[in-house]
Structure formats: structure tokens, C-alpha cells
Amino acid sequence: MYLDMPLRGYLDDLAAKKPAPGGGSAGAVCGAL
């Protein structure tokens, strides 16, 4: 789901008061980078 969305959208969701995305996907993004 997040893989195909613009980076800005992912970062907005990451900063929002939402349960997902969370630390797991953020860690995976850092590892993939």
C-alpha cells in the first residue's frame, strides 16, 4: 500500500495521529534506503 504512494503522503501519514504506518514500516523504509 505505502510502496506505491508518493513519499510525501507516506510521511504525512507517519506524522499523523494514526496507528499505521508505525515504527515497523519506518524501519523498513530506512533499511531499504
PDB file of all heavy atoms in Angstrom:
ATOM      1  N   MET A   1       0.827  -1.182   0.000  1.00  0.00           N
ATOM      2  CA  MET A   1       0.000   0.000   0.000  1.00  0.00           C
ATOM      3  C   MET A   1       0.874   1.249   0.000  1.00  0.00           C
ATOM      4  O   MET A   1       0.737   2.098  -0.852  1.00  0.00           O
ATOM      5  CB  MET A   1      -0.914  -0.054   1.212  1.00  0.00           C
ATOM      6  CG  MET A   1      -1.592   1.236   1.532  1.00  0.00           C
ATOM      7  SD  MET A   1      -2.812   0.968   2.817  1.00  0.00           S
ATOM      8  CE  MET A   1      -2.654   2.471   3.700  1.00  0.00           C
ATOM      9  N   TYR A   2       1.770   1.378   0.952  1.00  0.00           N
ATOM     10  CA  TYR A   2       2.598   2.579   1.033  1.00  0.00           C
ATOM     11  C   TYR A   2       3.683   2.614  -0.036  1.00  0.00           C
ATOM     12  O   TYR A   2       4.132   3.681  -0.413  1.00  0.00           O
ATOM     13  CB  TYR A   2       3.242   2.697   2.420  1.00  0.00           C
ATOM     14  CG  TYR A   2       2.250   3.091   3.484  1.00  0.00           C
ATOM     15  CD1 TYR A   2       1.887   2.215   4.486  1.00  0.00           C
ATOM     16  CD2 TYR A   2       1.679   4.357   3.474  1.00  0.00           C
ATOM     17  CE1 TYR A   2       0.975   2.579   5.457  1.00  0.00           C
ATOM     18  CE2 TYR A   2       0.759   4.725   4.434  1.00  0.00           C
ATOM     19  CZ  TYR A   2       0.412   3.843   5.427  1.00  0.00           C
ATOM     20  OH  TYR A   2      -0.490   4.205   6.373  1.00  0.00           O
ATOM     21  N   LEU A   3       4.082   1.481  -0.535  1.00  0.00           N
ATOM     22  CA  LEU A   3       5.166   1.415  -1.506  1.00  0.00           C
ATOM     23  C   LEU A   3       4.844   2.188  -2.782  1.00  0.00           C
ATOM     24  O   LEU A   3       5.728   2.797  -3.376  1.00  0.00           O
ATOM     25  CB  LEU A   3       5.483  -0.042  -1.844  1.00  0.00           C
ATOM     26  CG  LEU A   3       6.676  -0.291  -2.743  1.00  0.00           C
ATOM     27  CD1 LEU A   3       7.954   0.277  -2.108  1.00  0.00           C
ATOM     28  CD2 LEU A   3       6.839  -1.767  -2.991  1.00  0.00           C
ATOM     29  N   ASP A   4       3.589   2.209  -3.162  1.00  0.00           N
ATOM     30  CA  ASP A   4       3.202   2.857  -4.411  1.00  0.00           C
ATOM     31  C   ASP A   4       2.694   4.285  -4.240  1.00  0.00           C
ATOM     32  O   ASP A   4       2.301   4.913  -5.215  1.00  0.00           O
ATOM     33  CB  ASP A   4       2.143   2.013  -5.117  1.00  0.00           C
ATOM     34  CG  ASP A   4       2.692   0.655  -5.523  1.00  0.00           C
ATOM     35  OD1 ASP A   4       3.859   0.602  -5.956  1.00  0.00           O
ATOM     36  OD2 ASP A   4       1.964  -0.345  -5.400  1.00  0.00           O
ATOM     37  N   MET A   5       2.708   4.800  -3.036  1.00  0.00           N
ATOM     38  CA  MET A   5       2.210   6.169  -2.832  1.00  0.00           C
ATOM     39  C   MET A   5       3.376   7.158  -2.824  1.00  0.00           C
ATOM     40  O   MET A   5       4.524   6.769  -2.606  1.00  0.00           O
ATOM     41  CB  MET A   5       1.381   6.266  -1.552  1.00  0.00           C
ATOM     42  CG  MET A   5       2.177   6.315  -0.260  1.00  0.00           C
ATOM     43  SD  MET A   5       1.196   6.357   1.272  1.00  0.00           S
ATOM     44  CE  MET A   5      -0.046   7.557   0.966  1.00  0.00           C
ATOM     45  N   PRO A   6       3.093   8.420  -3.073  1.00  0.00           N
ATOM     46  CA  PRO A   6       4.160   9.425  -3.022  1.00  0.00           C
ATOM     47  C   PRO A   6       4.789   9.494  -1.624  1.00  0.00           C
ATOM     48  O   PRO A   6       4.122   9.265  -0.612  1.00  0.00           O
ATOM     49  CB  PRO A   6       3.444  10.736  -3.349  1.00  0.00           C
ATOM     50  CG  PRO A   6       2.185  10.337  -4.048  1.00  0.00           C
ATOM     51  CD  PRO A   6       1.816   8.989  -3.476  1.00  0.00           C
ATOM     52  N   LEU A   7       6.058   9.792  -1.597  1.00  0.00           N
ATOM     53  CA  LEU A   7       6.779   9.859  -0.323  1.00  0.00           C
ATOM     54  C   LEU A   7       6.132  10.858   0.630  1.00  0.00           C
ATOM     55  O   LEU A   7       6.003  10.592   1.825  1.00  0.00           O
ATOM     56  CB  LEU A   7       8.249  10.234  -0.576  1.00  0.00           C
ATOM     57  CG  LEU A   7       9.141  10.366   0.654  1.00  0.00           C
ATOM     58  CD1 LEU A   7       9.184   9.063   1.446  1.00  0.00           C
ATOM     59  CD2 LEU A   7      10.545  10.779   0.240  1.00  0.00           C
ATOM     60  N   ARG A   8       5.700  11.991   0.124  1.00  0.00           N
ATOM     61  CA  ARG A   8       5.066  12.999   0.978  1.00  0.00           C
ATOM     62  C   ARG A   8       3.838  12.434   1.674  1.00  0.00           C
ATOM     63  O   ARG A   8       3.615  12.665   2.859  1.00  0.00           O
ATOM     64  CB  ARG A   8       4.699  14.240   0.181  1.00  0.00           C
ATOM     65  CG  ARG A   8       4.136  15.356   1.071  1.00  0.00           C
ATOM     66  CD  ARG A   8       3.850  16.630   0.312  1.00  0.00           C
ATOM     67  NE  ARG A   8       4.963  17.097  -0.482  1.00  0.00           N
ATOM     68  CZ  ARG A   8       5.986  17.822  -0.017  1.00  0.00           C
ATOM     69  NH1 ARG A   8       6.048  18.141   1.244  1.00  0.00           N
ATOM     70  NH2 ARG A   8       6.942  18.217  -0.832  1.00  0.00           N
ATOM     71  N   GLY A   9       3.031  11.657   0.958  1.00  0.00           N
ATOM     72  CA  GLY A   9       1.841  11.056   1.557  1.00  0.00           C
ATOM     73  C   GLY A   9       2.200  10.092   2.672  1.00  0.00           C
ATOM     74  O   GLY A   9       1.550  10.060   3.719  1.00  0.00           O
ATOM     75  N   TYR A  10       3.252   9.295   2.442  1.00  0.00           N
ATOM     76  CA  TYR A  10       3.703   8.370   3.484  1.00  0.00           C
ATOM     77  C   TYR A  10       4.166   9.142   4.706  1.00  0.00           C
ATOM     78  O   TYR A  10       3.808   8.809   5.845  1.00  0.00           O
ATOM     79  CB  TYR A  10       4.827   7.467   2.952  1.00  0.00           C
ATOM     80  CG  TYR A  10       5.430   6.602   4.040  1.00  0.00           C
ATOM     81  CD1 TYR A  10       4.793   5.453   4.464  1.00  0.00           C
ATOM     82  CD2 TYR A  10       6.622   6.966   4.660  1.00  0.00           C
ATOM     83  CE1 TYR A  10       5.327   4.664   5.475  1.00  0.00           C
ATOM     84  CE2 TYR A  10       7.161   6.188   5.664  1.00  0.00           C
ATOM     85  CZ  TYR A  10       6.518   5.040   6.072  1.00  0.00           C
ATOM     86  OH  TYR A  10       7.044   4.289   7.076  1.00  0.00           O
ATOM     87  N   LEU A  11       4.971  10.172   4.498  1.00  0.00           N
ATOM     88  CA  LEU A  11       5.482  10.957   5.624  1.00  0.00           C
ATOM     89  C   LEU A  11       4.359  11.670   6.370  1.00  0.00           C
ATOM     90  O   LEU A  11       4.399  11.768   7.600  1.00  0.00           O
ATOM     91  CB  LEU A  11       6.527  11.957   5.136  1.00  0.00           C
ATOM     92  CG  LEU A  11       7.809  11.340   4.572  1.00  0.00           C
ATOM     93  CD1 LEU A  11       8.708  12.427   4.002  1.00  0.00           C
ATOM     94  CD2 LEU A  11       8.533  10.517   5.618  1.00  0.00           C
ATOM     95  N   ASP A  12       3.355  12.152   5.629  1.00  0.00           N
ATOM     96  CA  ASP A  12       2.194  12.776   6.286  1.00  0.00           C
ATOM     97  C   ASP A  12       1.461  11.757   7.151  1.00  0.00           C
ATOM     98  O   ASP A  12       1.084  12.056   8.292  1.00  0.00           O
ATOM     99  CB  ASP A  12       1.239  13.368   5.246  1.00  0.00           C
ATOM    100  CG  ASP A  12       1.770  14.628   4.579  1.00  0.00           C
ATOM    101  OD1 ASP A  12       2.753  15.220   5.093  1.00  0.00           O
ATOM    102  OD2 ASP A  12       1.208  15.018   3.535  1.00  0.00           O
ATOM    103  N   ASP A  13       1.251  10.551   6.615  1.00  0.00           N
ATOM    104  CA  ASP A  13       0.585   9.509   7.398  1.00  0.00           C
ATOM    105  C   ASP A  13       1.424   9.103   8.607  1.00  0.00           C
ATOM    106  O   ASP A  13       0.887   8.843   9.688  1.00  0.00           O
ATOM    107  CB  ASP A  13       0.314   8.267   6.538  1.00  0.00           C
ATOM    108  CG  ASP A  13      -0.880   8.439   5.621  1.00  0.00           C
ATOM    109  OD1 ASP A  13      -1.551   9.491   5.686  1.00  0.00           O
ATOM    110  OD2 ASP A  13      -1.146   7.502   4.838  1.00  0.00           O
ATOM    111  N   LEU A  14       2.731   9.052   8.433  1.00  0.00           N
ATOM    112  CA  LEU A  14       3.611   8.669   9.531  1.00  0.00           C
ATOM    113  C   LEU A  14       3.532   9.683  10.676  1.00  0.00           C
ATOM    114  O   LEU A  14       3.577   9.314  11.844  1.00  0.00           O
ATOM    115  CB  LEU A  14       5.052   8.557   9.015  1.00  0.00           C
ATOM    116  CG  LEU A  14       6.095   7.997   9.969  1.00  0.00           C
ATOM    117  CD1 LEU A  14       5.761   6.568  10.357  1.00  0.00           C
ATOM    118  CD2 LEU A  14       7.471   8.059   9.334  1.00  0.00           C
ATOM    119  N   ALA A  15       3.381  10.958  10.336  1.00  0.00           N
ATOM    120  CA  ALA A  15       3.325  12.016  11.354  1.00  0.00           C
ATOM    121  C   ALA A  15       1.935  12.191  11.959  1.00  0.00           C
ATOM    122  O   ALA A  15       1.794  12.823  13.006  1.00  0.00           O
ATOM    123  CB  ALA A  15       3.785  13.340  10.739  1.00  0.00           C
ATOM    124  N   ALA A  16       0.926  11.634  11.317  1.00  0.00           N
ATOM    125  CA  ALA A  16      -0.456  11.824  11.768  1.00  0.00           C
ATOM    126  C   ALA A  16      -0.755  10.989  13.014  1.00  0.00           C
ATOM    127  O   ALA A  16      -0.021  10.052  13.351  1.00  0.00           O
ATOM    128  CB  ALA A  16      -1.421  11.447  10.649  1.00  0.00           C
ATOM    129  N   LYS A  17      -1.851  11.328  13.659  1.00  0.00           N
ATOM    130  CA  LYS A  17      -2.302  10.568  14.821  1.00  0.00           C
ATOM    131  C   LYS A  17      -3.065   9.343  14.321  1.00  0.00           C
ATOM    132  O   LYS A  17      -4.290   9.299  14.337  1.00  0.00           O
ATOM    133  CB  LYS A  17      -3.186  11.442  15.700  1.00  0.00           C
ATOM    134  CG  LYS A  17      -3.538  10.807  17.020  1.00  0.00           C
ATOM    135  CD  LYS A  17      -4.327  11.740  17.896  1.00  0.00           C
ATOM    136  CE  LYS A  17      -4.654  11.054  19.199  1.00  0.00           C
ATOM    137  NZ  LYS A  17      -5.459  11.916  20.057  1.00  0.00           N
ATOM    138  N   LYS A  18      -2.304   8.390  13.800  1.00  0.00           N
ATOM    139  CA  LYS A  18      -2.851   7.147  13.256  1.00  0.00           C
ATOM    140  C   LYS A  18      -2.004   5.991  13.767  1.00  0.00           C
ATOM    141  O   LYS A  18      -0.814   6.165  14.013  1.00  0.00           O
ATOM    142  CB  LYS A  18      -2.760   7.147  11.721  1.00  0.00           C
ATOM    143  CG  LYS A  18      -3.556   8.201  11.009  1.00  0.00           C
ATOM    144  CD  LYS A  18      -3.317   8.051   9.496  1.00  0.00           C
ATOM    145  CE  LYS A  18      -4.186   8.975   8.707  1.00  0.00           C
ATOM    146  NZ  LYS A  18      -4.004   8.776   7.253  1.00  0.00           N
ATOM    147  N   PRO A  19      -2.584   4.807  13.864  1.00  0.00           N
ATOM    148  CA  PRO A  19      -1.788   3.664  14.317  1.00  0.00           C
ATOM    149  C   PRO A  19      -0.823   3.130  13.250  1.00  0.00           C
ATOM    150  O   PRO A  19       0.129   2.442  13.567  1.00  0.00           O
ATOM    151  CB  PRO A  19      -2.835   2.611  14.667  1.00  0.00           C
ATOM    152  CG  PRO A  19      -4.027   2.969  13.842  1.00  0.00           C
ATOM    153  CD  PRO A  19      -3.995   4.474  13.705  1.00  0.00           C
ATOM    154  N   ALA A  20      -1.112   3.448  11.988  1.00  0.00           N
ATOM    155  CA  ALA A  20      -0.245   2.952  10.905  1.00  0.00           C
ATOM    156  C   ALA A  20      -0.075   4.054   9.870  1.00  0.00           C
ATOM    157  O   ALA A  20      -1.013   4.805   9.625  1.00  0.00           O
ATOM    158  CB  ALA A  20      -0.854   1.720  10.265  1.00  0.00           C
ATOM    159  N   PRO A  21       1.059   4.205   9.300  1.00  0.00           N
ATOM    160  CA  PRO A  21       2.249   3.402   9.476  1.00  0.00           C
ATOM    161  C   PRO A  21       2.888   3.670  10.833  1.00  0.00           C
ATOM    162  O   PRO A  21       2.636   4.704  11.461  1.00  0.00           O
ATOM    163  CB  PRO A  21       3.158   3.849   8.340  1.00  0.00           C
ATOM    164  CG  PRO A  21       2.799   5.264   8.120  1.00  0.00           C
ATOM    165  CD  PRO A  21       1.317   5.335   8.389  1.00  0.00           C
ATOM    166  N   GLY A  22       3.729   2.769  11.225  1.00  0.00           N
ATOM    167  CA  GLY A  22       4.393   2.903  12.512  1.00  0.00           C
ATOM    168  C   GLY A  22       5.874   2.639  12.391  1.00  0.00           C
ATOM    169  O   GLY A  22       6.467   2.733  11.317  1.00  0.00           O
ATOM    170  N   GLY A  23       6.449   2.270  13.510  1.00  0.00           N
ATOM    171  CA  GLY A  23       7.891   2.070  13.569  1.00  0.00           C
ATOM    172  C   GLY A  23       8.390   0.948  12.681  1.00  0.00           C
ATOM    173  O   GLY A  23       9.499   1.019  12.154  1.00  0.00           O
ATOM    174  N   GLY A  24       7.571  -0.078  12.481  1.00  0.00           N
ATOM    175  CA  GLY A  24       7.995  -1.193  11.636  1.00  0.00           C
ATOM    176  C   GLY A  24       8.197  -0.777  10.198  1.00  0.00           C
ATOM    177  O   GLY A  24       9.225  -1.081   9.580  1.00  0.00           O
ATOM    178  N   SER A  25       7.222  -0.070   9.649  1.00  0.00           N
ATOM    179  CA  SER A  25       7.369   0.337   8.252  1.00  0.00           C
ATOM    180  C   SER A  25       8.415   1.431   8.108  1.00  0.00           C
ATOM    181  O   SER A  25       9.148   1.469   7.116  1.00  0.00           O
ATOM    182  CB  SER A  25       6.032   0.788   7.648  1.00  0.00           C
ATOM    183  OG  SER A  25       5.615   2.025   8.172  1.00  0.00           O
ATOM    184  N   ALA A  26       8.531   2.300   9.101  1.00  0.00           N
ATOM    185  CA  ALA A  26       9.577   3.335   9.052  1.00  0.00           C
ATOM    186  C   ALA A  26      10.960   2.688   9.086  1.00  0.00           C
ATOM    187  O   ALA A  26      11.875   3.099   8.359  1.00  0.00           O
ATOM    188  CB  ALA A  26       9.411   4.322  10.211  1.00  0.00           C
ATOM    189  N   GLY A  27      11.114   1.658   9.903  1.00  0.00           N
ATOM    190  CA  GLY A  27      12.380   0.929   9.943  1.00  0.00           C
ATOM    191  C   GLY A  27      12.673   0.234   8.626  1.00  0.00           C
ATOM    192  O   GLY A  27      13.812   0.220   8.157  1.00  0.00           O
ATOM    193  N   ALA A  28      11.641  -0.333   7.999  1.00  0.00           N
ATOM    194  CA  ALA A  28      11.818  -0.997   6.709  1.00  0.00           C
ATOM    195  C   ALA A  28      12.218   0.009   5.634  1.00  0.00           C
ATOM    196  O   ALA A  28      13.059  -0.289   4.781  1.00  0.00           O
ATOM    197  CB  ALA A  28      10.544  -1.735   6.312  1.00  0.00           C
ATOM    198  N   VAL A  29      11.627   1.197   5.677  1.00  0.00           N
ATOM    199  CA  VAL A  29      11.994   2.242   4.715  1.00  0.00           C
ATOM    200  C   VAL A  29      13.467   2.611   4.887  1.00  0.00           C
ATOM    201  O   VAL A  29      14.215   2.705   3.905  1.00  0.00           O
ATOM    202  CB  VAL A  29      11.099   3.493   4.874  1.00  0.00           C
ATOM    203  CG1 VAL A  29      11.663   4.684   4.112  1.00  0.00           C
ATOM    204  CG2 VAL A  29       9.685   3.204   4.411  1.00  0.00           C
ATOM    205  N   CYS A  30      13.896   2.802   6.126  1.00  0.00           N
ATOM    206  CA  CYS A  30      15.301   3.142   6.384  1.00  0.00           C
ATOM    207  C   CYS A  30      16.230   2.026   5.920  1.00  0.00           C
ATOM    208  O   CYS A  30      17.271   2.284   5.307  1.00  0.00           O
ATOM    209  CB  CYS A  30      15.521   3.425   7.871  1.00  0.00           C
ATOM    210  SG  CYS A  30      14.723   4.929   8.436  1.00  0.00           S
ATOM    211  N   GLY A  31      15.849   0.786   6.174  1.00  0.00           N
ATOM    212  CA  GLY A  31      16.655  -0.344   5.727  1.00  0.00           C
ATOM    213  C   GLY A  31      16.718  -0.430   4.212  1.00  0.00           C
ATOM    214  O   GLY A  31      17.772  -0.702   3.632  1.00  0.00           O
ATOM    215  N   ALA A  32      15.584  -0.199   3.541  1.00  0.00           N
ATOM    216  CA  ALA A  32      15.554  -0.241   2.077  1.00  0.00           C
ATOM    217  C   ALA A  32      16.404   0.876   1.484  1.00  0.00           C
ATOM    218  O   ALA A  32      17.084   0.675   0.470  1.00  0.00           O
ATOM    219  CB  ALA A  32      14.115  -0.149   1.580  1.00  0.00           C
ATOM    220  N   LEU A  33      16.388   2.047   2.116  1.00  0.00           N
ATOM    221  CA  LEU A  33      17.245   3.142   1.654  1.00  0.00           C
ATOM    222  C   LEU A  33      18.716   2.770   1.790  1.00  0.00           C
ATOM    223  O   LEU A  33      19.521   3.001   0.879  1.00  0.00           O
ATOM    224  CB  LEU A  33      16.955   4.420   2.446  1.00  0.00           C
ATOM    225  CG  LEU A  33      15.641   5.118   2.147  1.00  0.00           C
ATOM    226  CD1 LEU A  33      15.381   6.215   3.179  1.00  0.00           C
ATOM    227  CD2 LEU A  33      15.633   5.684   0.755  1.00  0.00           C
TER     228      LEU A  33
END
